[in-house]
Amino acid sequence: MIWGASGHARVVADIVRLNNQYELAGFVDNTPSAPNRFLNHTVYHDLEALRAVRDDGVASVIVAVGDCNARMRLGETAVDLGFALVSAIHPCAIVASDASIGAGTVVAAGAVLNPGCSIGANVIVNTGATVDHDCRIADGVHIGPGVHLGGWVTVGRATWLGIGAIVKDRIAVGEGGIVGAGSVVLSDIPDGVVAWGVP
């Protein structure tokens, strides 16, 4: 089951299809504008319907929502409902043998996770992003398409790194922040800060 029925859910559904590891049972989306069908599958709109699907034998959920805090909240709800959070790793991603990846994380096409890196739960490592050696990525982070993190970078919980951002090695980016698209980060960023620019 994929929680979400929009652009990122389409990406996650394609990863699931390519991996042929899970059978897609449908989508969950309780927003008012959610469709009744998405990618030729049923969209379930409330928790009662989700409980019924669980009782019918669906055991796993991937949360496919871009917003960091919403993704973590929905992941917690799924676990509270008795589902297991599973990860989706695109077959064209490169993942080091000792990389650690938390439950519910999505690693998109062309992403690279180098040796010694640790990726938390409910993280998105988006298309073509690179996470170099020994990085520490906390839960709920969204690493946008084409982001490049040098070695030993740490990124705090629920932080969004915008498309094409570059973070120099040994930098700490705090939790709950945003790094703007195309930014070059050369010094540490505190919690809750919106940072952008070159540098």
C-alpha atoms as a PDB file:
ATOM      1  CA  MET A   1       0.000   0.000   0.000  1.00  0.00           C
ATOM      2  CA  ILE A   2       1.298   3.466  -0.869  1.00  0.00           C
ATOM      3  CA  TRP A   3       0.154   6.378   1.282  1.00  0.00           C
ATOM      4  CA  GLY A   4      -0.190   9.302  -1.113  1.00  0.00           C
ATOM      5  CA  ALA A   5      -1.709   9.668  -4.570  1.00  0.00           C
ATOM      6  CA  SER A   6       0.184  12.363  -6.445  1.00  0.00           C
ATOM      7  CA  GLY A   7       3.574  12.948  -8.084  1.00  0.00           C
ATOM      8  CA  HIS A   8       5.864  11.329  -5.522  1.00  0.00           C
ATOM      9  CA  ALA A   9       3.465   8.393  -5.183  1.00  0.00           C
ATOM     10  CA  ARG A  10       3.818   7.837  -8.933  1.00  0.00           C
ATOM     11  CA  VAL A  11       7.612   7.648  -8.514  1.00  0.00           C
ATOM     12  CA  VAL A  12       7.330   5.237  -5.595  1.00  0.00           C
ATOM     13  CA  ALA A  13       4.828   3.042  -7.459  1.00  0.00           C
ATOM     14  CA  ASP A  14       7.280   2.780 -10.354  1.00  0.00           C
ATOM     15  CA  ILE A  15      10.082   1.715  -7.984  1.00  0.00           C
ATOM     16  CA  VAL A  16       7.789  -0.917  -6.464  1.00  0.00           C
ATOM     17  CA  ARG A  17       6.897  -2.175  -9.959  1.00  0.00           C
ATOM     18  CA  LEU A  18      10.518  -2.324 -11.100  1.00  0.00           C
ATOM     19  CA  ASN A  19      11.656  -4.187  -7.989  1.00  0.00           C
ATOM     20  CA  ASN A  20       8.868  -6.735  -8.302  1.00  0.00           C
ATOM     21  CA  GLN A  21       9.264  -7.239  -4.553  1.00  0.00           C
ATOM     22  CA  TYR A  22       5.755  -6.221  -3.441  1.00  0.00           C
ATOM     23  CA  GLU A  23       2.332  -6.399  -5.018  1.00  0.00           C
ATOM     24  CA  LEU A  24       0.727  -2.949  -5.018  1.00  0.00           C
ATOM     25  CA  ALA A  25      -2.594  -3.167  -3.182  1.00  0.00           C
ATOM     26  CA  GLY A  26      -3.637   0.439  -3.789  1.00  0.00           C
ATOM     27  CA  PHE A  27      -3.162   3.951  -2.475  1.00  0.00           C
ATOM     28  CA  VAL A  28      -4.287   5.890   0.589  1.00  0.00           C
ATOM     29  CA  ASP A  29      -5.076   9.596   0.422  1.00  0.00           C
ATOM     30  CA  ASN A  30      -7.490  11.338   2.757  1.00  0.00           C
ATOM     31  CA  THR A  31      -7.089  14.851   1.347  1.00  0.00           C
ATOM     32  CA  PRO A  32     -10.314  16.428   0.011  1.00  0.00           C
ATOM     33  CA  SER A  33      -9.050  16.550  -3.593  1.00  0.00           C
ATOM     34  CA  ALA A  34      -7.856  12.924  -3.696  1.00  0.00           C
ATOM     35  CA  PRO A  35      -9.100  10.874  -6.679  1.00  0.00           C
ATOM     36  CA  ASN A  36     -10.965   7.584  -6.324  1.00  0.00           C
ATOM     37  CA  ARG A  37      -8.505   5.840  -8.681  1.00  0.00           C
ATOM     38  CA  PHE A  38      -4.795   6.445  -9.217  1.00  0.00           C
ATOM     39  CA  LEU A  39      -2.589   4.524 -11.661  1.00  0.00           C
ATOM     40  CA  ASN A  40      -5.457   2.063 -12.167  1.00  0.00           C
ATOM     41  CA  HIS A  41      -5.637   1.234  -8.448  1.00  0.00           C
ATOM     42  CA  THR A  42      -8.191   2.058  -5.760  1.00  0.00           C
ATOM     43  CA  VAL A  43      -7.533   5.075  -3.547  1.00  0.00           C
ATOM     44  CA  TYR A  44      -8.717   4.551   0.039  1.00  0.00           C
ATOM     45  CA  HIS A  45      -9.881   7.758   1.714  1.00  0.00           C
ATOM     46  CA  ASP A  46     -10.253   7.026   5.420  1.00  0.00           C
ATOM     47  CA  LEU A  47      -8.700   5.035   8.232  1.00  0.00           C
ATOM     48  CA  GLU A  48     -11.643   2.623   8.450  1.00  0.00           C
ATOM     49  CA  ALA A  49     -11.060   1.565   4.837  1.00  0.00           C
ATOM     50  CA  LEU A  50      -7.350   1.223   5.615  1.00  0.00           C
ATOM     51  CA  ARG A  51      -8.099  -1.005   8.610  1.00  0.00           C
ATOM     52  CA  ALA A  52     -10.287  -3.193   6.377  1.00  0.00           C
ATOM     53  CA  VAL A  53      -7.443  -3.547   3.858  1.00  0.00           C
ATOM     54  CA  ARG A  54      -5.088  -4.495   6.685  1.00  0.00           C
ATOM     55  CA  ASP A  55      -7.575  -7.089   7.909  1.00  0.00           C
ATOM     56  CA  ASP A  56      -7.671  -8.501   4.359  1.00  0.00           C
ATOM     57  CA  GLY A  57      -3.945  -9.258   4.585  1.00  0.00           C
ATOM     58  CA  VAL A  58      -2.147  -6.121   3.377  1.00  0.00           C
ATOM     59  CA  ALA A  59       0.777  -5.820   5.780  1.00  0.00           C
ATOM     60  CA  SER A  60       3.075  -3.047   4.474  1.00  0.00           C
ATOM     61  CA  VAL A  61       2.944   0.664   3.702  1.00  0.00           C
ATOM     62  CA  ILE A  62       5.308   3.139   2.055  1.00  0.00           C
ATOM     63  CA  VAL A  63       4.498   6.803   2.714  1.00  0.00           C
ATOM     64  CA  ALA A  64       4.904   8.735  -0.550  1.00  0.00           C
ATOM     65  CA  VAL A  65       4.352  12.330   0.562  1.00  0.00           C
ATOM     66  CA  GLY A  66       6.926  15.051  -0.066  1.00  0.00           C
ATOM     67  CA  ASP A  67       6.277  17.153   3.054  1.00  0.00           C
ATOM     68  CA  CYS A  68       8.752  15.989   5.711  1.00  0.00           C
ATOM     69  CA  ASN A  69       6.564  16.402   8.800  1.00  0.00           C
ATOM     70  CA  ALA A  70       3.480  14.959   7.122  1.00  0.00           C
ATOM     71  CA  ARG A  71       5.489  11.946   5.920  1.00  0.00           C
ATOM     72  CA  MET A  72       6.723  11.205   9.439  1.00  0.00           C
ATOM     73  CA  ARG A  73       3.259  11.692  10.954  1.00  0.00           C
ATOM     74  CA  LEU A  74       1.619   9.383   8.394  1.00  0.00           C
ATOM     75  CA  GLY A  75       4.353   6.802   8.931  1.00  0.00           C
ATOM     76  CA  GLU A  76       3.595   6.812  12.660  1.00  0.00           C
ATOM     77  CA  THR A  77      -0.123   6.449  11.916  1.00  0.00           C
ATOM     78  CA  ALA A  78       0.535   3.497   9.623  1.00  0.00           C
ATOM     79  CA  VAL A  79       2.590   1.756  12.323  1.00  0.00           C
ATOM     80  CA  ASP A  80      -0.104   2.512  14.936  1.00  0.00           C
ATOM     81  CA  LEU A  81      -2.620   0.829  12.601  1.00  0.00           C
ATOM     82  CA  GLY A  82      -0.489  -2.310  12.517  1.00  0.00           C
ATOM     83  CA  PHE A  83       1.324  -1.893   9.202  1.00  0.00           C
ATOM     84  CA  ALA A  84       5.043  -2.374   8.687  1.00  0.00           C
ATOM     85  CA  LEU A  85       6.897   0.481   7.000  1.00  0.00           C
ATOM     86  CA  VAL A  86       8.927  -0.789   4.058  1.00  0.00           C
ATOM     87  CA  SER A  87      11.574   0.936   1.967  1.00  0.00           C
ATOM     88  CA  ALA A  88      11.725   1.278  -1.797  1.00  0.00           C
ATOM     89  CA  ILE A  89      15.126   1.401  -3.512  1.00  0.00           C
ATOM     90  CA  HIS A  90      15.253   1.926  -7.266  1.00  0.00           C
ATOM     91  CA  PRO A  91      17.245  -0.783  -9.069  1.00  0.00           C
ATOM     92  CA  CYS A  92      19.336   1.961 -10.720  1.00  0.00           C
ATOM     93  CA  ALA A  93      20.398   3.447  -7.372  1.00  0.00           C
ATOM     94  CA  ILE A  94      23.876   2.636  -6.082  1.00  0.00           C
ATOM     95  CA  VAL A  95      23.882   1.688  -2.409  1.00  0.00           C
ATOM     96  CA  ALA A  96      27.089   0.760  -0.583  1.00  0.00           C
ATOM     97  CA  SER A  97      27.045  -2.631   1.096  1.00  0.00           C
ATOM     98  CA  ASP A  98      27.441  -1.076   4.544  1.00  0.00           C
ATOM     99  CA  ALA A  99      24.998   1.812   4.078  1.00  0.00           C
ATOM    100  CA  SER A 100      22.238   1.801   6.662  1.00  0.00           C
ATOM    101  CA  ILE A 101      18.692   2.626   5.475  1.00  0.00           C
ATOM    102  CA  GLY A 102      15.761   3.124   7.835  1.00  0.00           C
ATOM    103  CA  ALA A 103      12.234   1.818   7.429  1.00  0.00           C
ATOM    104  CA  GLY A 104       9.980   3.661   5.005  1.00  0.00           C
ATOM    105  CA  THR A 105      12.825   5.340   3.120  1.00  0.00           C
ATOM    106  CA  VAL A 106      12.672   5.843  -0.650  1.00  0.00           C
ATOM    107  CA  VAL A 107      15.869   5.903  -2.741  1.00  0.00           C
ATOM    108  CA  ALA A 108      15.134   7.063  -6.297  1.00  0.00           C
ATOM    109  CA  ALA A 109      16.778   6.352  -9.650  1.00  0.00           C
ATOM    110  CA  GLY A 110      20.399   7.414 -10.009  1.00  0.00           C
ATOM    111  CA  ALA A 111      20.877   8.135  -6.308  1.00  0.00           C
ATOM    112  CA  VAL A 112      24.188   7.129  -4.732  1.00  0.00           C
ATOM    113  CA  LEU A 113      24.648   6.185  -1.074  1.00  0.00           C
ATOM    114  CA  ASN A 114      28.344   5.747  -0.385  1.00  0.00           C
ATOM    115  CA  PRO A 115      30.086   3.630   2.290  1.00  0.00           C
ATOM    116  CA  GLY A 116      29.418   4.310   5.933  1.00  0.00           C
ATOM    117  CA  CYS A 117      26.387   6.505   5.418  1.00  0.00           C
ATOM    118  CA  SER A 118      23.360   6.194   7.659  1.00  0.00           C
ATOM    119  CA  ILE A 119      19.906   7.120   6.357  1.00  0.00           C
ATOM    120  CA  GLY A 120      17.058   7.408   8.852  1.00  0.00           C
ATOM    121  CA  ALA A 121      13.428   6.329   8.595  1.00  0.00           C
ATOM    122  CA  ASN A 122      10.926   7.935   6.203  1.00  0.00           C
ATOM    123  CA  VAL A 123      13.666   9.718   4.242  1.00  0.00           C
ATOM    124  CA  ILE A 124      13.508  10.573   0.539  1.00  0.00           C
ATOM    125  CA  VAL A 125      16.801  10.406  -1.361  1.00  0.00           C
ATOM    126  CA  ASN A 126      15.502  11.734  -4.639  1.00  0.00           C
ATOM    127  CA  THR A 127      16.568  11.289  -8.252  1.00  0.00           C
ATOM    128  CA  GLY A 128      20.299  11.643  -8.886  1.00  0.00           C
ATOM    129  CA  ALA A 129      21.151  12.749  -5.337  1.00  0.00           C
ATOM    130  CA  THR A 130      24.496  11.693  -3.877  1.00  0.00           C
ATOM    131  CA  VAL A 131      25.208  11.061  -0.214  1.00  0.00           C
ATOM    132  CA  ASP A 132      28.941  10.616   0.280  1.00  0.00           C
ATOM    133  CA  HIS A 133      30.762   8.504   2.837  1.00  0.00           C
ATOM    134  CA  ASP A 134      29.912   8.623   6.530  1.00  0.00           C
ATOM    135  CA  CYS A 135      26.988  11.029   6.224  1.00  0.00           C
ATOM    136  CA  ARG A 136      24.304  10.902   8.936  1.00  0.00           C
ATOM    137  CA  ILE A 137      20.798  11.680   7.680  1.00  0.00           C
ATOM    138  CA  ALA A 138      18.093  11.846  10.371  1.00  0.00           C
ATOM    139  CA  ASP A 139      14.486  10.674  10.088  1.00  0.00           C
ATOM    140  CA  GLY A 140      12.085  12.436   7.746  1.00  0.00           C
ATOM    141  CA  VAL A 141      14.682  14.301   5.652  1.00  0.00           C
ATOM    142  CA  HIS A 142      13.934  15.047   1.995  1.00  0.00           C
ATOM    143  CA  ILE A 143      17.102  15.144  -0.125  1.00  0.00           C
ATOM    144  CA  GLY A 144      15.895  16.699  -3.379  1.00  0.00           C
ATOM    145  CA  PRO A 145      16.829  15.685  -6.927  1.00  0.00           C
ATOM    146  CA  GLY A 146      20.464  16.358  -7.795  1.00  0.00           C
ATOM    147  CA  VAL A 147      21.535  17.265  -4.249  1.00  0.00           C
ATOM    148  CA  HIS A 148      25.171  16.452  -3.440  1.00  0.00           C
ATOM    149  CA  LEU A 149      26.388  15.929   0.115  1.00  0.00           C
ATOM    150  CA  GLY A 150      30.122  15.737   0.829  1.00  0.00           C
ATOM    151  CA  GLY A 151      31.555  13.243   3.289  1.00  0.00           C
ATOM    152  CA  TRP A 152      30.696  13.406   7.005  1.00  0.00           C
ATOM    153  CA  VAL A 153      27.677  15.691   6.483  1.00  0.00           C
ATOM    154  CA  THR A 154      24.891  15.491   9.077  1.00  0.00           C
ATOM    155  CA  VAL A 155      21.324  16.545   8.344  1.00  0.00           C
ATOM    156  CA  GLY A 156      18.789  16.940  11.155  1.00  0.00           C
ATOM    157  CA  ARG A 157      15.287  15.540  11.400  1.00  0.00           C
ATOM    158  CA  ALA A 158      12.629  16.699   8.902  1.00  0.00           C
ATOM    159  CA  THR A 159      14.927  19.029   6.936  1.00  0.00           C
ATOM    160  CA  TRP A 160      14.320  19.645   3.227  1.00  0.00           C
ATOM    161  CA  LEU A 161      17.315  20.033   0.897  1.00  0.00           C
ATOM    162  CA  GLY A 162      16.094  21.645  -2.337  1.00  0.00           C
ATOM    163  CA  ILE A 163      16.877  20.558  -5.884  1.00  0.00           C
ATOM    164  CA  GLY A 164      20.544  20.813  -6.807  1.00  0.00           C
ATOM    165  CA  ALA A 165      21.793  21.998  -3.411  1.00  0.00           C
ATOM    166  CA  ILE A 166      25.412  21.216  -2.533  1.00  0.00           C
ATOM    167  CA  VAL A 167      26.609  20.721   1.036  1.00  0.00           C
ATOM    168  CA  LYS A 168      30.368  20.814   1.656  1.00  0.00           C
ATOM    169  CA  ASP A 169      31.980  17.989   3.611  1.00  0.00           C
ATOM    170  CA  ARG A 170      31.801  17.966   7.439  1.00  0.00           C
ATOM    171  CA  ILE A 171      28.864  20.389   7.565  1.00  0.00           C
ATOM    172  CA  ALA A 172      25.968  20.021  10.019  1.00  0.00           C
ATOM    173  CA  VAL A 173      22.529  21.078   8.797  1.00  0.00           C
ATOM    174  CA  GLY A 174      20.068  21.399  11.684  1.00  0.00           C
ATOM    175  CA  GLU A 175      16.623  19.897  12.019  1.00  0.00           C
ATOM    176  CA  GLY A 176      13.380  21.301  10.697  1.00  0.00           C
ATOM    177  CA  GLY A 177      15.011  23.594   8.158  1.00  0.00           C
ATOM    178  CA  ILE A 178      15.048  24.204   4.426  1.00  0.00           C
ATOM    179  CA  VAL A 179      18.047  24.588   2.123  1.00  0.00           C
ATOM    180  CA  GLY A 180      16.939  26.355  -1.052  1.00  0.00           C
ATOM    181  CA  ALA A 181      17.300  24.915  -4.527  1.00  0.00           C
ATOM    182  CA  GLY A 182      20.759  25.385  -6.023  1.00  0.00           C
ATOM    183  CA  SER A 183      22.295  26.597  -2.773  1.00  0.00           C
ATOM    184  CA  VAL A 184      25.909  25.941  -1.815  1.00  0.00           C
ATOM    185  CA  VAL A 185      26.311  25.306   1.917  1.00  0.00           C
ATOM    186  CA  LEU A 186      29.797  26.054   3.258  1.00  0.00           C
ATOM    187  CA  SER A 187      29.094  26.422   6.992  1.00  0.00           C
ATOM    188  CA  ASP A 188      26.851  24.827   9.596  1.00  0.00           C
ATOM    189  CA  ILE A 189      23.147  25.726   9.615  1.00  0.00           C
ATOM    190  CA  PRO A 190      21.220  25.836  12.925  1.00  0.00           C
ATOM    191  CA  ASP A 191      17.863  24.167  13.556  1.00  0.00           C
ATOM    192  CA  GLY A 192      14.775  25.637  11.926  1.00  0.00           C
ATOM    193  CA  VAL A 193      16.606  27.927   9.477  1.00  0.00           C
ATOM    194  CA  VAL A 194      15.682  28.597   5.845  1.00  0.00           C
ATOM    195  CA  ALA A 195      18.985  29.057   3.996  1.00  0.00           C
ATOM    196  CA  TRP A 196      19.652  29.799   0.339  1.00  0.00           C
ATOM    197  CA  GLY A 197      22.293  31.329  -1.894  1.00  0.00           C
ATOM    198  CA  VAL A 198      25.702  30.679  -3.406  1.00  0.00           C
ATOM    199  CA  PRO A 199      27.341  30.444  -0.965  1.00  0.00           C
END
